[in-house]
Amino acid sequence: MTCPICARPTVSDWRPFCSKRCADVDLAKWLGGAYRVPSEDPEDAEEALRAAGEATPRPH
């Protein structure tokens, strides 16, 4: 098996990665939204807008 980030052989301590660096690169991609899957479903868009509206603080 090869590392999905750099294609070097994996190391059992970091599997499926070859090193902590590649594991951290992958985590940063997850946190940054690089692995998101866009949706064309109108219900998903409406739900996201509702959630964003609820999360936005309202002025007093």
C-alpha atoms as a PDB file:
ATOM      1  CA  MET A   1       0.000   0.000   0.000  1.00  0.00           C
ATOM      2  CA  THR A   2       1.229   3.495  -0.761  1.00  0.00           C
ATOM      3  CA  CYS A   3       0.674   6.786   1.023  1.00  0.00           C
ATOM      4  CA  PRO A   4      -2.303   8.650  -0.492  1.00  0.00           C
ATOM      5  CA  ILE A   5      -0.460  11.969  -0.111  1.00  0.00           C
ATOM      6  CA  CYS A   6       3.025  11.279  -1.527  1.00  0.00           C
ATOM      7  CA  ALA A   7       2.821   7.699  -2.900  1.00  0.00           C
ATOM      8  CA  ARG A   8       5.719   6.380  -0.757  1.00  0.00           C
ATOM      9  CA  PRO A   9       5.290   3.011   0.987  1.00  0.00           C
ATOM     10  CA  THR A  10       3.205   3.246   4.159  1.00  0.00           C
ATOM     11  CA  VAL A  11       4.626   2.873   7.654  1.00  0.00           C
ATOM     12  CA  SER A  12       2.589   0.833  10.137  1.00  0.00           C
ATOM     13  CA  ASP A  13       2.740   3.576  12.812  1.00  0.00           C
ATOM     14  CA  TRP A  14       1.137   6.089  10.403  1.00  0.00           C
ATOM     15  CA  ARG A  15      -0.915   3.782   8.188  1.00  0.00           C
ATOM     16  CA  PRO A  16      -2.320   4.587   5.655  1.00  0.00           C
ATOM     17  CA  PHE A  17       0.349   7.318   5.501  1.00  0.00           C
ATOM     18  CA  CYS A  18       4.122   7.151   5.377  1.00  0.00           C
ATOM     19  CA  SER A  19       4.794   9.766   8.056  1.00  0.00           C
ATOM     20  CA  LYS A  20       3.269  12.183  10.555  1.00  0.00           C
ATOM     21  CA  ARG A  21       3.795  14.955   8.018  1.00  0.00           C
ATOM     22  CA  CYS A  22       1.574  13.252   5.426  1.00  0.00           C
ATOM     23  CA  ALA A  23      -1.023  12.472   8.112  1.00  0.00           C
ATOM     24  CA  ASP A  24      -1.034  16.162   9.069  1.00  0.00           C
ATOM     25  CA  VAL A  25      -1.339  17.228   5.428  1.00  0.00           C
ATOM     26  CA  ASP A  26      -4.379  14.974   5.087  1.00  0.00           C
ATOM     27  CA  LEU A  27      -5.927  16.359   8.286  1.00  0.00           C
ATOM     28  CA  ALA A  28      -5.416  19.914   7.021  1.00  0.00           C
ATOM     29  CA  LYS A  29      -7.203  18.984   3.793  1.00  0.00           C
ATOM     30  CA  TRP A  30     -10.160  17.622   5.786  1.00  0.00           C
ATOM     31  CA  LEU A  31     -10.327  20.680   8.018  1.00  0.00           C
ATOM     32  CA  GLY A  32     -10.001  23.030   5.051  1.00  0.00           C
ATOM     33  CA  GLY A  33     -12.840  21.375   3.172  1.00  0.00           C
ATOM     34  CA  ALA A  34     -10.756  19.978   0.325  1.00  0.00           C
ATOM     35  CA  TYR A  35     -12.604  16.659   0.515  1.00  0.00           C
ATOM     36  CA  ARG A  36     -16.129  18.078   0.496  1.00  0.00           C
ATOM     37  CA  VAL A  37     -18.637  16.716  -1.964  1.00  0.00           C
ATOM     38  CA  PRO A  38     -20.863  19.421  -3.431  1.00  0.00           C
ATOM     39  CA  SER A  39     -24.577  18.745  -3.562  1.00  0.00           C
ATOM     40  CA  GLU A  40     -27.067  19.912  -6.153  1.00  0.00           C
ATOM     41  CA  ASP A  41     -29.993  18.814  -3.973  1.00  0.00           C
ATOM     42  CA  PRO A  42     -32.193  21.870  -3.253  1.00  0.00           C
ATOM     43  CA  GLU A  43     -33.168  20.440   0.161  1.00  0.00           C
ATOM     44  CA  ASP A  44     -29.490  20.394   1.188  1.00  0.00           C
ATOM     45  CA  ALA A  45     -29.128  24.053   0.221  1.00  0.00           C
ATOM     46  CA  GLU A  46     -32.243  25.056   2.165  1.00  0.00           C
ATOM     47  CA  GLU A  47     -31.066  23.146   5.228  1.00  0.00           C
ATOM     48  CA  ALA A  48     -27.633  24.801   5.057  1.00  0.00           C
ATOM     49  CA  LEU A  49     -29.215  28.255   4.805  1.00  0.00           C
ATOM     50  CA  ARG A  50     -31.453  27.544   7.807  1.00  0.00           C
ATOM     51  CA  ALA A  51     -28.475  26.304   9.828  1.00  0.00           C
ATOM     52  CA  ALA A  52     -26.425  29.367   8.883  1.00  0.00           C
ATOM     53  CA  GLY A  53     -29.284  31.652   9.903  1.00  0.00           C
ATOM     54  CA  GLU A  54     -29.616  29.953  13.273  1.00  0.00           C
ATOM     55  CA  ALA A  55     -25.873  30.183  13.896  1.00  0.00           C
ATOM     56  CA  THR A  56     -25.699  33.913  13.101  1.00  0.00           C
ATOM     57  CA  PRO A  57     -26.073  36.038  16.238  1.00  0.00           C
ATOM     58  CA  ARG A  58     -28.866  38.565  16.025  1.00  0.00           C
ATOM     59  CA  PRO A  59     -28.307  42.174  17.135  1.00  0.00           C
ATOM     60  CA  HIS A  60     -30.213  43.277  20.249  1.00  0.00           C
END
